[in-house]
Amino acid sequence: MLTILSGCAGSIDRRLNIAATAQGEAQAAPQAVIVPDDCRKQEPHAALPEGAEKLSVLDRERDALDRANARVIRCADHIDDFNARQTGGQSTPNADGKNNAR
């Protein structure tokens, strides 16, 4: 009778260990970051019409660069915020000193 009980105990321990391992792996699985469509948008160069003044084209090109840089910051903030929520921690402050975790 004693051998039957000890045999069952080993089986239960093994099943509990397998279940605990599966549960731990499921909880530790990485979550996918949903990247906003805005992050994939590319900013076109400013048009250079024939006869246009070069300084005005340069101004438009700098405006396009400013838009692209702002997009990069928004996308980085989005990913920092996501990662902070996944880990339960605080994200690092961005360039303007604001914390990205909401």
C-alpha atoms as a PDB file:
ATOM      1  CA  MET A   1       0.000   0.000   0.000  1.00  0.00           C
ATOM      2  CA  LEU A   2       2.826   2.357   0.808  1.00  0.00           C
ATOM      3  CA  THR A   3       4.354   2.009  -2.642  1.00  0.00           C
ATOM      4  CA  ILE A   4       1.097   2.994  -4.307  1.00  0.00           C
ATOM      5  CA  LEU A   5       0.831   6.224  -2.319  1.00  0.00           C
ATOM      6  CA  SER A   6       4.419   7.225  -2.949  1.00  0.00           C
ATOM      7  CA  GLY A   7       3.942   6.488  -6.660  1.00  0.00           C
ATOM      8  CA  CYS A   8       0.931   8.823  -6.763  1.00  0.00           C
ATOM      9  CA  ALA A   9       2.795  11.571  -4.936  1.00  0.00           C
ATOM     10  CA  GLY A  10       5.555  11.554  -7.542  1.00  0.00           C
ATOM     11  CA  SER A  11       3.005  11.773 -10.320  1.00  0.00           C
ATOM     12  CA  ILE A  12       1.235  14.721  -8.688  1.00  0.00           C
ATOM     13  CA  ASP A  13       4.523  16.539  -8.124  1.00  0.00           C
ATOM     14  CA  ARG A  14       5.521  15.989 -11.722  1.00  0.00           C
ATOM     15  CA  ARG A  15       2.167  17.268 -13.035  1.00  0.00           C
ATOM     16  CA  LEU A  16       2.293  20.291 -10.733  1.00  0.00           C
ATOM     17  CA  ASN A  17       5.818  21.064 -11.922  1.00  0.00           C
ATOM     18  CA  ILE A  18       4.763  20.811 -15.570  1.00  0.00           C
ATOM     19  CA  ALA A  19       1.721  23.031 -14.964  1.00  0.00           C
ATOM     20  CA  ALA A  20       3.768  25.625 -13.050  1.00  0.00           C
ATOM     21  CA  THR A  21       6.377  25.687 -15.805  1.00  0.00           C
ATOM     22  CA  ALA A  22       3.719  26.193 -18.488  1.00  0.00           C
ATOM     23  CA  GLN A  23       2.094  28.966 -16.475  1.00  0.00           C
ATOM     24  CA  GLY A  24       5.425  30.722 -15.922  1.00  0.00           C
ATOM     25  CA  GLU A  25       6.314  30.539 -19.603  1.00  0.00           C
ATOM     26  CA  ALA A  26       2.927  31.946 -20.590  1.00  0.00           C
ATOM     27  CA  GLN A  27       3.292  34.865 -18.169  1.00  0.00           C
ATOM     28  CA  ALA A  28       6.835  35.585 -19.313  1.00  0.00           C
ATOM     29  CA  ALA A  29       5.984  35.564 -23.017  1.00  0.00           C
ATOM     30  CA  PRO A  30       6.898  38.881 -24.649  1.00  0.00           C
ATOM     31  CA  GLN A  31       4.016  41.059 -25.754  1.00  0.00           C
ATOM     32  CA  ALA A  32       3.989  42.584 -29.223  1.00  0.00           C
ATOM     33  CA  VAL A  33       4.388  46.340 -29.494  1.00  0.00           C
ATOM     34  CA  ILE A  34       1.680  47.838 -31.697  1.00  0.00           C
ATOM     35  CA  VAL A  35       3.442  50.499 -33.729  1.00  0.00           C
ATOM     36  CA  PRO A  36       1.187  53.355 -34.892  1.00  0.00           C
ATOM     37  CA  ASP A  37       0.945  53.874 -38.658  1.00  0.00           C
ATOM     38  CA  ASP A  38       2.377  57.369 -38.140  1.00  0.00           C
ATOM     39  CA  CYS A  39       5.705  55.753 -37.187  1.00  0.00           C
ATOM     40  CA  ARG A  40       6.032  54.226 -40.636  1.00  0.00           C
ATOM     41  CA  LYS A  41       5.279  57.412 -42.555  1.00  0.00           C
ATOM     42  CA  GLN A  42       8.173  58.886 -44.519  1.00  0.00           C
ATOM     43  CA  GLU A  43       8.473  62.618 -45.003  1.00  0.00           C
ATOM     44  CA  PRO A  44       9.008  63.608 -48.651  1.00  0.00           C
ATOM     45  CA  HIS A  45      11.630  66.135 -49.663  1.00  0.00           C
ATOM     46  CA  ALA A  46      10.446  69.634 -50.438  1.00  0.00           C
ATOM     47  CA  ALA A  47       9.821  70.176 -54.121  1.00  0.00           C
ATOM     48  CA  LEU A  48      12.431  72.139 -56.037  1.00  0.00           C
ATOM     49  CA  PRO A  49      10.509  73.888 -58.792  1.00  0.00           C
ATOM     50  CA  GLU A  50      12.602  75.380 -61.559  1.00  0.00           C
ATOM     51  CA  GLY A  51      13.428  78.989 -60.836  1.00  0.00           C
ATOM     52  CA  ALA A  52      12.440  78.794 -57.155  1.00  0.00           C
ATOM     53  CA  GLU A  53      14.572  80.592 -54.643  1.00  0.00           C
ATOM     54  CA  LYS A  54      16.852  78.113 -52.907  1.00  0.00           C
ATOM     55  CA  LEU A  55      16.338  79.598 -49.431  1.00  0.00           C
ATOM     56  CA  SER A  56      12.585  79.043 -49.581  1.00  0.00           C
ATOM     57  CA  VAL A  57      13.177  75.396 -50.553  1.00  0.00           C
ATOM     58  CA  LEU A  58      15.643  75.067 -47.686  1.00  0.00           C
ATOM     59  CA  ASP A  59      13.016  76.443 -45.283  1.00  0.00           C
ATOM     60  CA  ARG A  60      10.469  73.886 -46.487  1.00  0.00           C
ATOM     61  CA  GLU A  61      13.065  71.113 -46.203  1.00  0.00           C
ATOM     62  CA  ARG A  62      13.812  72.127 -42.608  1.00  0.00           C
ATOM     63  CA  ASP A  63      10.071  72.097 -41.834  1.00  0.00           C
ATOM     64  CA  ALA A  64       9.890  68.547 -43.222  1.00  0.00           C
ATOM     65  CA  LEU A  65      12.838  67.543 -41.044  1.00  0.00           C
ATOM     66  CA  ASP A  66      11.137  69.039 -37.982  1.00  0.00           C
ATOM     67  CA  ARG A  67       7.989  66.994 -38.720  1.00  0.00           C
ATOM     68  CA  ALA A  68      10.054  63.827 -39.146  1.00  0.00           C
ATOM     69  CA  ASN A  69      11.945  64.423 -35.897  1.00  0.00           C
ATOM     70  CA  ALA A  70       8.694  65.036 -34.014  1.00  0.00           C
ATOM     71  CA  ARG A  71       7.347  61.749 -35.410  1.00  0.00           C
ATOM     72  CA  VAL A  72      10.427  59.864 -34.186  1.00  0.00           C
ATOM     73  CA  ILE A  73       9.922  61.282 -30.683  1.00  0.00           C
ATOM     74  CA  ARG A  74       6.210  60.328 -30.690  1.00  0.00           C
ATOM     75  CA  CYS A  75       7.031  56.787 -31.787  1.00  0.00           C
ATOM     76  CA  ALA A  76       9.792  56.388 -29.213  1.00  0.00           C
ATOM     77  CA  ASP A  77       7.441  57.722 -26.506  1.00  0.00           C
ATOM     78  CA  HIS A  78       4.796  55.208 -27.582  1.00  0.00           C
ATOM     79  CA  ILE A  79       7.218  52.278 -27.322  1.00  0.00           C
ATOM     80  CA  ASP A  80       8.693  53.543 -24.020  1.00  0.00           C
ATOM     81  CA  ASP A  81       5.179  53.840 -22.601  1.00  0.00           C
ATOM     82  CA  PHE A  82       4.281  50.330 -23.755  1.00  0.00           C
ATOM     83  CA  ASN A  83       7.448  48.859 -22.248  1.00  0.00           C
ATOM     84  CA  ALA A  84       6.887  50.695 -18.959  1.00  0.00           C
ATOM     85  CA  ARG A  85       3.348  49.312 -18.713  1.00  0.00           C
ATOM     86  CA  GLN A  86       4.596  45.784 -19.455  1.00  0.00           C
ATOM     87  CA  THR A  87       7.236  45.884 -16.746  1.00  0.00           C
ATOM     88  CA  GLY A  88       5.169  47.884 -14.267  1.00  0.00           C
ATOM     89  CA  GLY A  89       7.960  50.432 -14.045  1.00  0.00           C
ATOM     90  CA  GLN A  90       8.634  53.982 -15.069  1.00  0.00           C
ATOM     91  CA  SER A  91       9.903  54.813 -18.506  1.00  0.00           C
ATOM     92  CA  THR A  92      12.912  57.029 -18.914  1.00  0.00           C
ATOM     93  CA  PRO A  93      12.288  60.736 -19.484  1.00  0.00           C
ATOM     94  CA  ASN A  94      12.412  61.831 -23.097  1.00  0.00           C
ATOM     95  CA  ALA A  95      14.353  64.768 -24.525  1.00  0.00           C
ATOM     96  CA  ASP A  96      11.970  67.374 -23.055  1.00  0.00           C
ATOM     97  CA  GLY A  97      12.204  65.783 -19.585  1.00  0.00           C
ATOM     98  CA  LYS A  98       8.656  64.402 -19.515  1.00  0.00           C
ATOM     99  CA  ASN A  99       8.108  60.885 -18.280  1.00  0.00           C
ATOM    100  CA  ASN A 100       6.452  58.729 -20.935  1.00  0.00           C
ATOM    101  CA  ALA A 101       4.604  56.358 -18.592  1.00  0.00           C
ATOM    102  CA  ARG A 102       0.957  57.312 -18.285  1.00  0.00           C
END
